């Protein structure tokens, strides 16, 4: 059986961080949290969707 790419946290969520294509003031990459309550595959789908939007310069991160 294949190993899951993302593991479930204690709170029951699958969680990871994805680079949104921008940088912080100190020069480090700005990453956003992506979570899924459903499954590892659902989280992977969300991550791929964000990465595709970033590669097409279609993703705009919130300024908060």
PDB file of N, CA and C in Angstrom:
ATOM      1  N   UNK A   1       0.848  -1.182   0.000  1.00  0.00           N
ATOM      2  CA  UNK A   1       0.000   0.000   0.000  1.00  0.00           C
ATOM      3  C   UNK A   1       0.891   1.242   0.000  1.00  0.00           C
ATOM      4  N   UNK A   2       0.486   2.244  -0.734  1.00  0.00           N
ATOM      5  CA  UNK A   2       1.265   3.473  -0.852  1.00  0.00           C
ATOM      6  C   UNK A   2       1.187   4.292   0.429  1.00  0.00           C
ATOM      7  N   UNK A   3       2.265   5.005   0.710  1.00  0.00           N
ATOM      8  CA  UNK A   3       2.316   5.861   1.886  1.00  0.00           C
ATOM      9  C   UNK A   3       1.640   7.192   1.570  1.00  0.00           C
ATOM     10  N   UNK A   4       0.868   7.719   2.507  1.00  0.00           N
ATOM     11  CA  UNK A   4       0.186   8.996   2.311  1.00  0.00           C
ATOM     12  C   UNK A   4       1.206  10.125   2.255  1.00  0.00           C
ATOM     13  N   UNK A   5       0.993  11.055   1.350  1.00  0.00           N
ATOM     14  CA  UNK A   5       1.915  12.171   1.184  1.00  0.00           C
ATOM     15  C   UNK A   5       1.787  13.162   2.342  1.00  0.00           C
ATOM     16  N   UNK A   6       0.568  13.355   2.821  1.00  0.00           N
ATOM     17  CA  UNK A   6       0.309  14.257   3.937  1.00  0.00           C
ATOM     18  C   UNK A   6      -0.306  13.445   5.070  1.00  0.00           C
ATOM     19  N   UNK A   7       0.104  13.740   6.296  1.00  0.00           N
ATOM     20  CA  UNK A   7      -0.433  13.006   7.436  1.00  0.00           C
ATOM     21  C   UNK A   7      -1.438  13.863   8.182  1.00  0.00           C
ATOM     22  N   UNK A   8      -2.311  13.199   8.911  1.00  0.00           N
ATOM     23  CA  UNK A   8      -3.359  13.872   9.665  1.00  0.00           C
ATOM     24  C   UNK A   8      -2.786  14.432  10.965  1.00  0.00           C
ATOM     25  N   UNK A   9      -3.184  15.647  11.328  1.00  0.00           N
ATOM     26  CA  UNK A   9      -2.739  16.258  12.578  1.00  0.00           C
ATOM     27  C   UNK A   9      -3.594  15.743  13.737  1.00  0.00           C
ATOM     28  N   UNK A  10      -3.230  16.143  14.952  1.00  0.00           N
ATOM     29  CA  UNK A  10      -3.998  15.730  16.126  1.00  0.00           C
ATOM     30  C   UNK A  10      -5.439  16.224  16.056  1.00  0.00           C
ATOM     31  N   UNK A  11      -5.635  17.374  15.416  1.00  0.00           N
ATOM     32  CA  UNK A  11      -6.971  17.954  15.316  1.00  0.00           C
ATOM     33  C   UNK A  11      -7.828  17.275  14.248  1.00  0.00           C
ATOM     34  N   UNK A  12      -7.247  16.353  13.480  1.00  0.00           N
ATOM     35  CA  UNK A  12      -8.006  15.622  12.484  1.00  0.00           C
ATOM     36  C   UNK A  12      -7.959  16.211  11.088  1.00  0.00           C
ATOM     37  N   UNK A  13      -7.150  17.238  10.883  1.00  0.00           N
ATOM     38  CA  UNK A  13      -7.034  17.883   9.576  1.00  0.00           C
ATOM     39  C   UNK A  13      -5.754  17.444   8.874  1.00  0.00           C
ATOM     40  N   UNK A  14      -5.806  17.427   7.553  1.00  0.00           N
ATOM     41  CA  UNK A  14      -4.605  17.290   6.745  1.00  0.00           C
ATOM     42  C   UNK A  14      -4.154  18.709   6.454  1.00  0.00           C
ATOM     43  N   UNK A  15      -2.878  19.020   6.659  1.00  0.00           N
ATOM     44  CA  UNK A  15      -2.411  20.405   6.569  1.00  0.00           C
ATOM     45  C   UNK A  15      -1.045  20.471   5.910  1.00  0.00           C
ATOM     46  N   UNK A  16      -0.851  21.526   5.106  1.00  0.00           N
ATOM     47  CA  UNK A  16       0.448  21.811   4.512  1.00  0.00           C
ATOM     48  C   UNK A  16       0.518  23.298   4.204  1.00  0.00           C
ATOM     49  N   UNK A  17       1.688  23.741   3.797  1.00  0.00           N
ATOM     50  CA  UNK A  17       1.883  25.130   3.386  1.00  0.00           C
ATOM     51  C   UNK A  17       2.292  25.144   1.923  1.00  0.00           C
ATOM     52  N   UNK A  18       1.777  26.144   1.185  1.00  0.00           N
ATOM     53  CA  UNK A  18       2.049  26.264  -0.244  1.00  0.00           C
ATOM     54  C   UNK A  18       2.538  27.677  -0.516  1.00  0.00           C
ATOM     55  N   UNK A  19       3.597  27.781  -1.340  1.00  0.00           N
ATOM     56  CA  UNK A  19       4.128  29.087  -1.719  1.00  0.00           C
ATOM     57  C   UNK A  19       3.158  29.747  -2.688  1.00  0.00           C
ATOM     58  N   UNK A  20       2.800  31.012  -2.412  1.00  0.00           N
ATOM     59  CA  UNK A  20       1.817  31.705  -3.251  1.00  0.00           C
ATOM     60  C   UNK A  20       2.448  32.577  -4.331  1.00  0.00           C
ATOM     61  N   UNK A  21       3.757  32.478  -4.520  1.00  0.00           N
ATOM     62  CA  UNK A  21       4.421  33.208  -5.590  1.00  0.00           C
ATOM     63  C   UNK A  21       4.938  34.575  -5.191  1.00  0.00           C
ATOM     64  N   UNK A  22       4.765  34.954  -3.919  1.00  0.00           N
ATOM     65  CA  UNK A  22       5.236  36.257  -3.456  1.00  0.00           C
ATOM     66  C   UNK A  22       6.289  36.067  -2.368  1.00  0.00           C
ATOM     67  N   UNK A  23       6.916  37.169  -1.994  1.00  0.00           N
ATOM     68  CA  UNK A  23       7.953  37.146  -0.967  1.00  0.00           C
ATOM     69  C   UNK A  23       7.594  38.084   0.175  1.00  0.00           C
ATOM     70  N   UNK A  24       8.071  37.765   1.380  1.00  0.00           N
ATOM     71  CA  UNK A  24       7.907  38.627   2.542  1.00  0.00           C
ATOM     72  C   UNK A  24       8.914  39.767   2.478  1.00  0.00           C
ATOM     73  N   UNK A  25       8.786  40.724   3.374  1.00  0.00           N
ATOM     74  CA  UNK A  25       9.684  41.876   3.409  1.00  0.00           C
ATOM     75  C   UNK A  25      11.134  41.465   3.654  1.00  0.00           C
ATOM     76  N   UNK A  26      11.346  40.375   4.391  1.00  0.00           N
ATOM     77  CA  UNK A  26      12.714  39.930   4.677  1.00  0.00           C
ATOM     78  C   UNK A  26      13.300  39.052   3.567  1.00  0.00           C
ATOM     79  N   UNK A  27      12.562  38.840   2.485  1.00  0.00           N
ATOM     80  CA  UNK A  27      13.064  38.065   1.355  1.00  0.00           C
ATOM     81  C   UNK A  27      12.690  36.596   1.371  1.00  0.00           C
ATOM     82  N   UNK A  28      12.048  36.133   2.434  1.00  0.00           N
ATOM     83  CA  UNK A  28      11.633  34.731   2.485  1.00  0.00           C
ATOM     84  C   UNK A  28      10.331  34.542   1.698  1.00  0.00           C
ATOM     85  N   UNK A  29      10.095  33.321   1.260  1.00  0.00           N
ATOM     86  CA  UNK A  29       8.884  33.033   0.494  1.00  0.00           C
ATOM     87  C   UNK A  29       7.648  33.136   1.382  1.00  0.00           C
ATOM     88  N   UNK A  30       6.579  33.727   0.854  1.00  0.00           N
ATOM     89  CA  UNK A  30       5.314  33.822   1.580  1.00  0.00           C
ATOM     90  C   UNK A  30       4.512  32.559   1.296  1.00  0.00           C
ATOM     91  N   UNK A  31       4.186  31.827   2.338  1.00  0.00           N
ATOM     92  CA  UNK A  31       3.447  30.573   2.186  1.00  0.00           C
ATOM     93  C   UNK A  31       2.082  30.703   2.847  1.00  0.00           C
ATOM     94  N   UNK A  32       1.101  30.014   2.297  1.00  0.00           N
ATOM     95  CA  UNK A  32      -0.236  30.022   2.871  1.00  0.00           C
ATOM     96  C   UNK A  32      -0.569  28.619   3.367  1.00  0.00           C
ATOM     97  N   UNK A  33      -1.374  28.542   4.417  1.00  0.00           N
ATOM     98  CA  UNK A  33      -1.809  27.260   4.955  1.00  0.00           C
ATOM     99  C   UNK A  33      -2.954  26.722   4.112  1.00  0.00           C
ATOM    100  N   UNK A  34      -2.894  25.449   3.796  1.00  0.00           N
ATOM    101  CA  UNK A  34      -3.968  24.771   3.079  1.00  0.00           C
ATOM    102  C   UNK A  34      -4.357  23.573   3.928  1.00  0.00           C
ATOM    103  N   UNK A  35      -5.653  23.447   4.230  1.00  0.00           N
ATOM    104  CA  UNK A  35      -6.119  22.347   5.073  1.00  0.00           C
ATOM    105  C   UNK A  35      -7.287  21.622   4.414  1.00  0.00           C
ATOM    106  N   UNK A  36      -7.478  20.385   4.835  1.00  0.00           N
ATOM    107  CA  UNK A  36      -8.606  19.591   4.367  1.00  0.00           C
ATOM    108  C   UNK A  36      -9.045  18.667   5.492  1.00  0.00           C
ATOM    109  N   UNK A  37     -10.318  18.621   5.738  1.00  0.00           N
ATOM    110  CA  UNK A  37     -10.872  17.707   6.727  1.00  0.00           C
ATOM    111  C   UNK A  37     -11.185  16.348   6.094  1.00  0.00           C
ATOM    112  N   UNK A  38     -11.377  16.336   4.762  1.00  0.00           N
ATOM    113  CA  UNK A  38     -11.811  15.125   4.062  1.00  0.00           C
ATOM    114  C   UNK A  38     -10.738  14.050   3.990  1.00  0.00           C
ATOM    115  N   UNK A  39      -9.668  14.330   3.213  1.00  0.00           N
ATOM    116  CA  UNK A  39      -8.677  13.284   2.956  1.00  0.00           C
ATOM    117  C   UNK A  39      -7.378  13.883   2.454  1.00  0.00           C
ATOM    118  N   UNK A  40      -6.374  13.032   2.390  1.00  0.00           N
ATOM    119  CA  UNK A  40      -5.075  13.411   1.848  1.00  0.00           C
ATOM    120  C   UNK A  40      -5.209  13.746   0.361  1.00  0.00           C
ATOM    121  N   UNK A  41      -6.017  12.996  -0.360  1.00  0.00           N
ATOM    122  CA  UNK A  41      -6.219  13.235  -1.795  1.00  0.00           C
ATOM    123  C   UNK A  41      -6.900  14.576  -2.038  1.00  0.00           C
ATOM    124  N   UNK A  42      -7.832  14.958  -1.174  1.00  0.00           N
ATOM    125  CA  UNK A  42      -8.502  16.252  -1.310  1.00  0.00           C
ATOM    126  C   UNK A  42      -7.507  17.385  -1.088  1.00  0.00           C
ATOM    127  N   UNK A  43      -6.626  17.230  -0.113  1.00  0.00           N
ATOM    128  CA  UNK A  43      -5.596  18.240   0.132  1.00  0.00           C
ATOM    129  C   UNK A  43      -4.660  18.335  -1.069  1.00  0.00           C
ATOM    130  N   UNK A  44      -4.274  17.215  -1.637  1.00  0.00           N
ATOM    131  CA  UNK A  44      -3.410  17.202  -2.816  1.00  0.00           C
ATOM    132  C   UNK A  44      -4.076  17.934  -3.982  1.00  0.00           C
ATOM    133  N   UNK A  45      -5.384  17.751  -4.150  1.00  0.00           N
ATOM    134  CA  UNK A  45      -6.126  18.438  -5.206  1.00  0.00           C
ATOM    135  C   UNK A  45      -6.090  19.946  -4.992  1.00  0.00           C
ATOM    136  N   UNK A  46      -6.279  20.395  -3.737  1.00  0.00           N
ATOM    137  CA  UNK A  46      -6.234  21.827  -3.418  1.00  0.00           C
ATOM    138  C   UNK A  46      -4.848  22.409  -3.666  1.00  0.00           C
ATOM    139  N   UNK A  47      -3.810  21.680  -3.271  1.00  0.00           N
ATOM    140  CA  UNK A  47      -2.427  22.137  -3.468  1.00  0.00           C
ATOM    141  C   UNK A  47      -2.130  22.276  -4.956  1.00  0.00           C
ATOM    142  N   UNK A  48      -2.508  21.283  -5.748  1.00  0.00           N
ATOM    143  CA  UNK A  48      -2.266  21.336  -7.192  1.00  0.00           C
ATOM    144  C   UNK A  48      -3.024  22.478  -7.845  1.00  0.00           C
ATOM    145  N   UNK A  49      -4.236  22.748  -7.377  1.00  0.00           N
ATOM    146  CA  UNK A  49      -5.028  23.856  -7.916  1.00  0.00           C
ATOM    147  C   UNK A  49      -4.329  25.192  -7.655  1.00  0.00           C
ATOM    148  N   UNK A  50      -3.817  25.387  -6.446  1.00  0.00           N
ATOM    149  CA  UNK A  50      -3.119  26.632  -6.107  1.00  0.00           C
ATOM    150  C   UNK A  50      -1.827  26.747  -6.903  1.00  0.00           C
ATOM    151  N   UNK A  51      -1.071  25.659  -7.009  1.00  0.00           N
ATOM    152  CA  UNK A  51       0.183  25.691  -7.774  1.00  0.00           C
ATOM    153  C   UNK A  51      -0.064  26.023  -9.241  1.00  0.00           C
ATOM    154  N   UNK A  52      -1.134  25.488  -9.823  1.00  0.00           N
ATOM    155  CA  UNK A  52      -1.464  25.799 -11.215  1.00  0.00           C
ATOM    156  C   UNK A  52      -1.828  27.266 -11.378  1.00  0.00           C
ATOM    157  N   UNK A  53      -2.598  27.810 -10.439  1.00  0.00           N
ATOM    158  CA  UNK A  53      -2.977  29.220 -10.508  1.00  0.00           C
ATOM    159  C   UNK A  53      -1.763  30.121 -10.342  1.00  0.00           C
ATOM    160  N   UNK A  54      -0.820  29.742  -9.476  1.00  0.00           N
ATOM    161  CA  UNK A  54       0.407  30.526  -9.285  1.00  0.00           C
ATOM    162  C   UNK A  54       1.243  30.492 -10.558  1.00  0.00           C
ATOM    163  N   UNK A  55       1.358  29.331 -11.181  1.00  0.00           N
ATOM    164  CA  UNK A  55       2.169  29.222 -12.398  1.00  0.00           C
ATOM    165  C   UNK A  55       1.571  30.012 -13.561  1.00  0.00           C
ATOM    166  N   UNK A  56       0.263  30.232 -13.539  1.00  0.00           N
ATOM    167  CA  UNK A  56      -0.403  31.019 -14.577  1.00  0.00           C
ATOM    168  C   UNK A  56      -0.519  32.491 -14.188  1.00  0.00           C
ATOM    169  N   UNK A  57       0.095  32.873 -13.058  1.00  0.00           N
ATOM    170  CA  UNK A  57       0.011  34.240 -12.520  1.00  0.00           C
ATOM    171  C   UNK A  57      -1.430  34.666 -12.298  1.00  0.00           C
ATOM    172  N   UNK A  58      -2.271  33.738 -11.915  1.00  0.00           N
ATOM    173  CA  UNK A  58      -3.689  33.991 -11.707  1.00  0.00           C
ATOM    174  C   UNK A  58      -4.028  34.073 -10.220  1.00  0.00           C
ATOM    175  N   UNK A  59      -3.085  33.693  -9.357  1.00  0.00           N
ATOM    176  CA  UNK A  59      -3.349  33.632  -7.922  1.00  0.00           C
ATOM    177  C   UNK A  59      -2.928  34.931  -7.258  1.00  0.00           C
ATOM    178  N   UNK A  60      -3.827  35.520  -6.482  1.00  0.00           N
ATOM    179  CA  UNK A  60      -3.513  36.732  -5.727  1.00  0.00           C
ATOM    180  C   UNK A  60      -3.761  36.431  -4.259  1.00  0.00           C
ATOM    181  N   UNK A  61      -2.712  36.494  -3.456  1.00  0.00           N
ATOM    182  CA  UNK A  61      -2.824  36.209  -2.030  1.00  0.00           C
ATOM    183  C   UNK A  61      -3.432  37.402  -1.311  1.00  0.00           C
ATOM    184  N   UNK A  62      -4.138  37.132  -0.222  1.00  0.00           N
ATOM    185  CA  UNK A  62      -4.693  38.221   0.579  1.00  0.00           C
ATOM    186  C   UNK A  62      -3.565  38.937   1.302  1.00  0.00           C
ATOM    187  N   UNK A  63      -3.749  40.205   1.582  1.00  0.00           N
ATOM    188  CA  UNK A  63      -2.682  41.005   2.191  1.00  0.00           C
ATOM    189  C   UNK A  63      -2.792  41.062   3.703  1.00  0.00           C
ATOM    190  N   UNK A  64      -3.440  40.089   4.327  1.00  0.00           N
ATOM    191  CA  UNK A  64      -3.570  40.082   5.783  1.00  0.00           C
ATOM    192  C   UNK A  64      -2.492  39.279   6.432  1.00  0.00           C
TER     193      UNK A  64
END
